[in-house]
Amino acid sequence: MSQQERSYDIQGIELTDDKYVVEQSLIRNKYKAMDKAGNVVIRGKQKMFKLKEEFPFVDAEGNEVFTVKAGGMLDVAGNYVLSDAQTGEEVVILDNDYSLLQDTWKIRDARTEAKIAEINSQGALVTIARNVIPFGGWIPHKYEITDVDGNHVGNIDGQFSLKDRYEITIDDSTTVPKEPIIAAAMVIDAIQGN
């Protein structure tokens, strides 16, 4: 089966909207993703006190749908594997290439490791400010989502608010699976300690 033919569906969830809002809880790395109507479709949280970072995600009813686990211990820049909770199958790898100038996340096929999509921070000055200046973490993230050929697919736009809040817009999902993009938005925020 080729990469184009492979489905990245996750058994317990179906995301059909082109716009989602991800919001962080005030207390700790706990997130929810809402559809256009404001309905919670996914909740995720970072499991605390684990040697390897782990983020279980549940649907609106609390059923576990997928998990994201770090490839190494306390991975600040590394691989995170998204697995389907119902089948146990590894679906995609979220791969972080961290630098002071550009924050790049690749979404890769878990079997072939072929790149499916990329999430890049927009603006080197903003990325530097977020990483260097005091309270830089309060500056909202802005990312562009592109497909394997570098074509625009969507955006992740951070909003100024007390809680971290992101609007995720998928303009063209013909080649990019939505669930890993939504999960990546939550995991990126948690990993970077915001």
Protein backbone atom coordinates (compact mmCIF):
# COMPACT_ATOMS: atom_id res chain seq x y z
CA MET A 1 0.00 0.00 0.00
CA SER A 2 1.47 3.35 -1.02
CA GLN A 3 1.55 6.42 1.20
CA GLN A 4 -1.18 8.05 -0.93
CA GLU A 5 -3.47 5.01 -0.46
CA ARG A 6 -2.82 4.62 3.25
CA SER A 7 -5.54 5.89 5.54
CA TYR A 8 -4.54 7.78 8.68
CA ASP A 9 -7.98 7.38 10.24
CA ILE A 10 -8.11 6.84 13.97
CA GLN A 11 -10.82 4.33 14.91
CA GLY A 12 -12.56 6.21 17.74
CA ILE A 13 -12.85 9.67 16.18
CA GLU A 14 -13.84 11.45 13.01
CA LEU A 15 -12.89 15.09 12.51
CA THR A 16 -14.83 16.60 9.59
CA ASP A 17 -14.68 20.38 10.24
CA ASP A 18 -12.11 22.64 8.62
CA LYS A 19 -11.67 24.78 11.74
CA TYR A 20 -10.97 23.81 15.38
CA VAL A 21 -10.07 25.67 18.54
CA VAL A 22 -7.59 24.14 20.99
CA GLU A 23 -7.58 25.52 24.51
CA GLN A 24 -5.26 24.78 27.44
CA SER A 25 -6.54 24.49 31.01
CA LEU A 26 -5.24 27.06 33.51
CA ILE A 27 -3.87 24.41 35.87
CA ARG A 28 -1.52 22.17 33.85
CA ASN A 29 -0.88 20.64 30.44
CA LYS A 30 -4.48 19.68 29.86
CA TYR A 31 -6.19 20.52 26.56
CA LYS A 32 -9.46 20.35 24.70
CA ALA A 33 -10.21 20.71 21.00
CA MET A 34 -13.58 22.08 19.94
CA ASP A 35 -15.27 22.04 16.53
CA LYS A 36 -16.87 25.05 14.81
CA ALA A 37 -20.07 24.62 16.84
CA GLY A 38 -18.08 24.75 20.13
CA ASN A 39 -18.51 21.02 20.89
CA VAL A 40 -15.55 19.30 22.56
CA VAL A 41 -14.26 16.61 20.18
CA ILE A 42 -10.92 15.68 21.82
CA ARG A 43 -9.40 16.10 25.26
CA GLY A 44 -5.74 15.48 25.99
CA LYS A 45 -3.40 15.84 28.92
CA GLN A 46 0.23 15.26 29.67
CA LYS A 47 0.75 12.36 32.07
CA MET A 48 2.87 13.71 34.88
CA PHE A 49 5.90 12.05 36.48
CA LYS A 50 6.65 9.75 33.56
CA LEU A 51 10.19 9.12 32.32
CA LYS A 52 8.86 9.28 28.77
CA GLU A 53 6.37 12.03 28.05
CA GLU A 54 2.91 10.65 27.34
CA PHE A 55 -0.29 12.35 26.20
CA PRO A 56 -3.49 10.25 26.17
CA PHE A 57 -6.39 11.71 24.13
CA VAL A 58 -10.06 10.92 24.69
CA ASP A 59 -13.26 11.73 22.83
CA ALA A 60 -16.13 13.83 24.25
CA GLU A 61 -17.43 10.78 26.18
CA GLY A 62 -14.05 10.03 27.77
CA ASN A 63 -13.15 7.02 25.58
CA GLU A 64 -9.43 6.86 24.80
CA VAL A 65 -8.91 7.37 21.06
CA PHE A 66 -5.17 7.86 20.64
CA THR A 67 -1.96 8.36 22.60
CA VAL A 68 1.15 10.36 21.83
CA LYS A 69 4.37 9.08 23.47
CA ALA A 70 7.89 10.45 23.39
CA GLY A 71 10.48 8.28 21.68
CA GLY A 72 13.11 9.13 24.30
CA MET A 73 13.20 10.20 27.93
CA LEU A 74 12.11 13.82 28.49
CA ASP A 75 12.27 14.60 24.76
CA VAL A 76 12.49 18.38 24.18
CA ALA A 77 13.39 17.93 20.53
CA GLY A 78 12.69 14.47 19.22
CA ASN A 79 10.11 11.97 18.08
CA TYR A 80 6.60 11.49 19.43
CA VAL A 81 4.56 8.52 18.20
CA LEU A 82 0.78 8.82 17.77
CA SER A 83 -0.91 5.42 18.26
CA ASP A 84 -4.55 4.43 17.76
CA ALA A 85 -5.88 3.43 21.20
CA GLN A 86 -8.38 0.91 19.80
CA THR A 87 -6.10 -0.93 17.36
CA GLY A 88 -2.75 -0.28 19.05
CA GLU A 89 -1.36 0.64 15.61
CA GLU A 90 1.25 3.39 15.37
CA VAL A 91 -0.26 5.91 12.96
CA VAL A 92 2.19 8.82 12.61
CA ILE A 93 5.38 10.21 14.11
CA LEU A 94 5.59 13.87 15.20
CA ASP A 95 9.23 14.80 14.68
CA ASN A 96 10.58 18.07 16.12
CA ASP A 97 13.55 19.90 14.59
CA TYR A 98 14.16 22.57 17.22
CA SER A 99 16.19 25.71 16.57
CA LEU A 100 16.18 29.26 17.91
CA LEU A 101 15.18 30.65 14.50
CA GLN A 102 12.57 28.17 13.30
CA ASP A 103 10.39 25.62 15.03
CA THR A 104 9.64 22.79 12.61
CA TRP A 105 7.49 19.72 13.23
CA LYS A 106 7.32 16.98 10.61
CA ILE A 107 4.42 14.55 10.56
CA ARG A 108 5.68 11.24 9.19
CA ASP A 109 4.14 7.88 8.36
CA ALA A 110 4.83 5.54 11.31
CA ARG A 111 5.59 2.58 9.02
CA THR A 112 7.63 4.11 6.21
CA GLU A 113 8.77 7.30 8.02
CA ALA A 114 7.88 9.22 4.83
CA LYS A 115 6.96 12.86 5.48
CA ILE A 116 3.20 13.55 5.21
CA ALA A 117 3.12 17.17 6.38
CA GLU A 118 5.15 19.86 8.10
CA ILE A 119 4.24 22.49 10.70
CA ASN A 120 6.56 25.53 10.69
CA SER A 121 6.62 28.53 13.00
CA GLN A 122 6.11 31.79 11.16
CA GLY A 123 8.61 34.56 11.76
CA ALA A 124 12.15 34.08 13.05
CA LEU A 125 11.94 37.19 15.28
CA VAL A 126 8.83 35.84 17.04
CA THR A 127 10.48 32.43 17.51
CA ILE A 128 13.63 34.04 18.95
CA ALA A 129 11.57 36.28 21.25
CA ARG A 130 9.52 33.30 22.51
CA ASN A 131 12.73 31.44 23.37
CA VAL A 132 14.99 34.22 24.67
CA ILE A 133 13.21 37.15 26.31
CA PRO A 134 11.60 36.93 29.77
CA PHE A 135 7.89 36.09 29.47
CA GLY A 136 8.49 35.31 25.78
CA GLY A 137 6.25 32.27 26.20
CA TRP A 138 3.29 34.67 26.37
CA ILE A 139 3.81 35.57 22.70
CA PRO A 140 1.33 33.41 20.75
CA HIS A 141 2.53 30.71 18.38
CA LYS A 142 1.81 31.09 14.68
CA TYR A 143 2.44 28.11 12.42
CA GLU A 144 1.84 27.22 8.81
CA ILE A 145 0.87 23.67 7.89
CA THR A 146 2.18 22.41 4.53
CA ASP A 147 1.92 19.12 2.68
CA VAL A 148 4.82 16.92 1.57
CA ASP A 149 5.43 19.18 -1.46
CA GLY A 150 5.46 22.38 0.61
CA ASN A 151 1.97 23.49 -0.48
CA HIS A 152 -0.13 25.44 2.04
CA VAL A 153 -2.63 23.24 3.89
CA GLY A 154 -3.61 25.40 6.88
CA ASN A 155 -2.57 27.45 9.91
CA ILE A 156 -2.28 27.21 13.68
CA ASP A 157 -2.79 30.68 15.12
CA GLY A 158 -2.18 31.37 18.80
CA GLN A 159 -4.49 33.87 20.50
CA PHE A 160 -3.61 36.31 23.30
CA SER A 161 -5.46 35.02 26.37
CA LEU A 162 -4.88 33.87 29.95
CA LYS A 163 -4.98 30.26 28.73
CA ASP A 164 -3.11 29.13 25.62
CA ARG A 165 -5.66 29.11 22.82
CA TYR A 166 -5.13 28.19 19.18
CA GLU A 167 -7.29 28.36 16.10
CA ILE A 168 -6.47 25.56 13.69
CA THR A 169 -7.66 26.05 10.13
CA ILE A 170 -7.33 23.28 7.58
CA ASP A 171 -7.84 24.81 4.14
CA ASP A 172 -7.09 21.62 2.21
CA SER A 173 -7.07 18.22 3.93
CA THR A 174 -6.91 16.07 0.80
CA THR A 175 -3.32 15.03 1.56
CA VAL A 176 -3.00 15.72 5.29
CA PRO A 177 -4.78 13.83 8.11
CA LYS A 178 -6.59 16.14 10.57
CA GLU A 179 -6.24 14.13 13.81
CA PRO A 180 -2.41 14.31 13.88
CA ILE A 181 -2.54 18.07 13.16
CA ILE A 182 -4.93 18.68 16.09
CA ALA A 183 -2.83 16.42 18.37
CA ALA A 184 0.37 18.17 17.25
CA ALA A 185 -1.04 21.60 18.20
CA MET A 186 -1.67 20.35 21.76
CA VAL A 187 1.61 18.46 22.08
CA ILE A 188 3.72 21.34 20.69
CA ASP A 189 2.32 23.67 23.33
CA ALA A 190 2.84 21.20 26.18
CA ILE A 191 6.38 20.24 25.17
CA GLN A 192 7.51 23.82 24.86
CA GLY A 193 6.37 24.48 28.41
CA ASN A 194 3.82 27.18 27.80
